[in-house]
Amino acid sequence: MEEFEARRARASRLQKQLWASMVAITQAAPDKDVLLLPPVRLLAEVAAKRTLAV
C-alpha cells in the first residue's frame, strides 16, 4: 500500500505541474486555451476515477 500511495502522490505532483504549465502557456497565448486545457482537465478526471476505483 505504501508504494501505491507514493505513486499516487507522484502522479498528483506531476498533474499539478502539468496544469500549472498549461495555465502559464494559455496566459501567454490566450487563443490556445481552447485546445490545451480540456485534454489536461480530462486527464485529471481519468486519474481521479482510477484512484477511486482502487
N, C-alpha and C. Protein backbone atom coordinates (compact mmCIF):
# COMPACT_ATOMS: atom_id res chain seq x y z
N MET A 1 0.82 -1.19 0.00
CA MET A 1 0.00 0.00 0.00
C MET A 1 0.87 1.26 0.00
N GLU A 2 2.03 1.19 0.62
CA GLU A 2 2.93 2.35 0.65
C GLU A 2 3.36 2.73 -0.76
N GLU A 3 3.64 1.72 -1.58
CA GLU A 3 4.07 2.00 -2.95
C GLU A 3 2.95 2.69 -3.73
N PHE A 4 1.72 2.23 -3.52
CA PHE A 4 0.57 2.86 -4.18
C PHE A 4 0.47 4.33 -3.79
N GLU A 5 0.57 4.61 -2.50
CA GLU A 5 0.47 5.99 -2.02
C GLU A 5 1.60 6.85 -2.57
N ALA A 6 2.79 6.29 -2.64
CA ALA A 6 3.92 7.04 -3.19
C ALA A 6 3.70 7.36 -4.66
N ARG A 7 3.20 6.39 -5.40
CA ARG A 7 2.94 6.62 -6.82
C ARG A 7 1.77 7.59 -7.02
N ARG A 8 0.77 7.50 -6.16
CA ARG A 8 -0.36 8.42 -6.26
C ARG A 8 0.09 9.85 -5.98
N ALA A 9 0.95 10.00 -4.97
CA ALA A 9 1.47 11.32 -4.63
C ALA A 9 2.31 11.89 -5.77
N ARG A 10 3.12 11.04 -6.38
CA ARG A 10 3.95 11.48 -7.52
C ARG A 10 3.06 11.90 -8.69
N ALA A 11 2.05 11.11 -8.96
CA ALA A 11 1.12 11.43 -10.05
C ALA A 11 0.42 12.76 -9.78
N SER A 12 0.06 12.97 -8.54
CA SER A 12 -0.59 14.23 -8.17
C SER A 12 0.33 15.41 -8.39
N ARG A 13 1.59 15.27 -8.00
CA ARG A 13 2.56 16.36 -8.21
C ARG A 13 2.74 16.64 -9.70
N LEU A 14 2.87 15.59 -10.49
CA LEU A 14 3.05 15.76 -11.93
C LEU A 14 1.82 16.42 -12.56
N GLN A 15 0.67 16.02 -12.10
CA GLN A 15 -0.58 16.59 -12.60
C GLN A 15 -0.64 18.09 -12.29
N LYS A 16 -0.25 18.48 -11.09
CA LYS A 16 -0.24 19.90 -10.71
C LYS A 16 0.77 20.67 -11.54
N GLN A 17 1.93 20.07 -11.78
CA GLN A 17 2.94 20.73 -12.61
C GLN A 17 2.44 20.91 -14.04
N LEU A 18 1.80 19.89 -14.57
CA LEU A 18 1.26 19.95 -15.92
C LEU A 18 0.20 21.04 -16.01
N TRP A 19 -0.71 21.08 -15.04
CA TRP A 19 -1.77 22.08 -15.05
C TRP A 19 -1.16 23.49 -14.97
N ALA A 20 -0.18 23.68 -14.09
CA ALA A 20 0.46 25.00 -13.95
C ALA A 20 1.13 25.41 -15.26
N SER A 21 1.76 24.47 -15.92
CA SER A 21 2.40 24.77 -17.21
C SER A 21 1.37 25.16 -18.26
N MET A 22 0.28 24.43 -18.31
CA MET A 22 -0.76 24.74 -19.29
C MET A 22 -1.40 26.10 -19.02
N VAL A 23 -1.61 26.43 -17.76
CA VAL A 23 -2.18 27.73 -17.42
C VAL A 23 -1.21 28.84 -17.84
N ALA A 24 0.08 28.65 -17.57
CA ALA A 24 1.08 29.65 -17.96
C ALA A 24 1.12 29.82 -19.48
N ILE A 25 1.05 28.73 -20.21
CA ILE A 25 1.06 28.80 -21.67
C ILE A 25 -0.17 29.54 -22.17
N THR A 26 -1.32 29.23 -21.61
CA THR A 26 -2.54 29.87 -22.10
C THR A 26 -2.62 31.33 -21.68
N GLN A 27 -1.94 31.71 -20.61
CA GLN A 27 -1.89 33.13 -20.25
C GLN A 27 -1.02 33.89 -21.25
N ALA A 28 0.03 33.23 -21.72
CA ALA A 28 0.91 33.85 -22.71
C ALA A 28 0.27 33.87 -24.10
N ALA A 29 -0.55 32.87 -24.38
CA ALA A 29 -1.22 32.76 -25.68
C ALA A 29 -2.68 32.36 -25.44
N PRO A 30 -3.53 33.34 -25.10
CA PRO A 30 -4.92 33.03 -24.72
C PRO A 30 -5.71 32.23 -25.77
N ASP A 31 -5.34 32.33 -27.02
CA ASP A 31 -6.07 31.60 -28.05
C ASP A 31 -5.83 30.09 -27.98
N LYS A 32 -4.85 29.68 -27.20
CA LYS A 32 -4.52 28.24 -27.10
C LYS A 32 -5.32 27.52 -26.01
N ASP A 33 -6.00 28.25 -25.14
CA ASP A 33 -6.69 27.60 -24.02
C ASP A 33 -7.76 26.62 -24.47
N VAL A 34 -8.43 26.92 -25.55
CA VAL A 34 -9.48 26.03 -26.05
C VAL A 34 -8.89 24.69 -26.48
N LEU A 35 -7.65 24.71 -26.95
CA LEU A 35 -7.01 23.47 -27.41
C LEU A 35 -6.32 22.71 -26.30
N LEU A 36 -5.72 23.42 -25.35
CA LEU A 36 -4.86 22.76 -24.38
C LEU A 36 -5.55 22.35 -23.08
N LEU A 37 -6.39 23.18 -22.54
CA LEU A 37 -6.93 22.89 -21.21
C LEU A 37 -7.93 21.73 -21.14
N PRO A 38 -8.84 21.57 -22.10
CA PRO A 38 -9.77 20.43 -22.00
C PRO A 38 -9.09 19.06 -21.90
N PRO A 39 -8.07 18.76 -22.73
CA PRO A 39 -7.43 17.44 -22.57
C PRO A 39 -6.73 17.27 -21.23
N VAL A 40 -6.16 18.35 -20.71
CA VAL A 40 -5.50 18.27 -19.40
C VAL A 40 -6.54 18.06 -18.31
N ARG A 41 -7.66 18.72 -18.42
CA ARG A 41 -8.75 18.52 -17.46
C ARG A 41 -9.25 17.08 -17.52
N LEU A 42 -9.39 16.55 -18.72
CA LEU A 42 -9.82 15.16 -18.89
C LEU A 42 -8.81 14.20 -18.25
N LEU A 43 -7.55 14.48 -18.43
CA LEU A 43 -6.50 13.67 -17.81
C LEU A 43 -6.68 13.63 -16.29
N ALA A 44 -6.96 14.78 -15.70
CA ALA A 44 -7.17 14.85 -14.26
C ALA A 44 -8.40 14.05 -13.84
N GLU A 45 -9.46 14.13 -14.62
CA GLU A 45 -10.68 13.38 -14.30
C GLU A 45 -10.44 11.88 -14.37
N VAL A 46 -9.73 11.44 -15.38
CA VAL A 46 -9.43 10.00 -15.53
C VAL A 46 -8.56 9.53 -14.37
N ALA A 47 -7.58 10.33 -14.00
CA ALA A 47 -6.72 9.96 -12.87
C ALA A 47 -7.52 9.85 -11.58
N ALA A 48 -8.44 10.76 -11.37
CA ALA A 48 -9.28 10.72 -10.17
C ALA A 48 -10.16 9.47 -10.16
N LYS A 49 -10.73 9.14 -11.29
CA LYS A 49 -11.58 7.94 -11.38
C LYS A 49 -10.77 6.67 -11.14
N ARG A 50 -9.56 6.64 -11.66
CA ARG A 50 -8.69 5.47 -11.44
C ARG A 50 -8.36 5.32 -9.96
N THR A 51 -8.08 6.44 -9.32
CA THR A 51 -7.75 6.40 -7.89
C THR A 51 -8.95 5.89 -7.08
N LEU A 52 -10.13 6.38 -7.42
CA LEU A 52 -11.34 5.93 -6.71
C LEU A 52 -11.64 4.46 -6.94
N ALA A 53 -11.25 3.95 -8.09
CA ALA A 53 -11.53 2.56 -8.43
C ALA A 53 -10.65 1.58 -7.66
N VAL A 54 -9.54 2.07 -7.15
CA VAL A 54 -8.60 1.17 -6.45
C VAL A 54 -9.02 0.92 -5.05
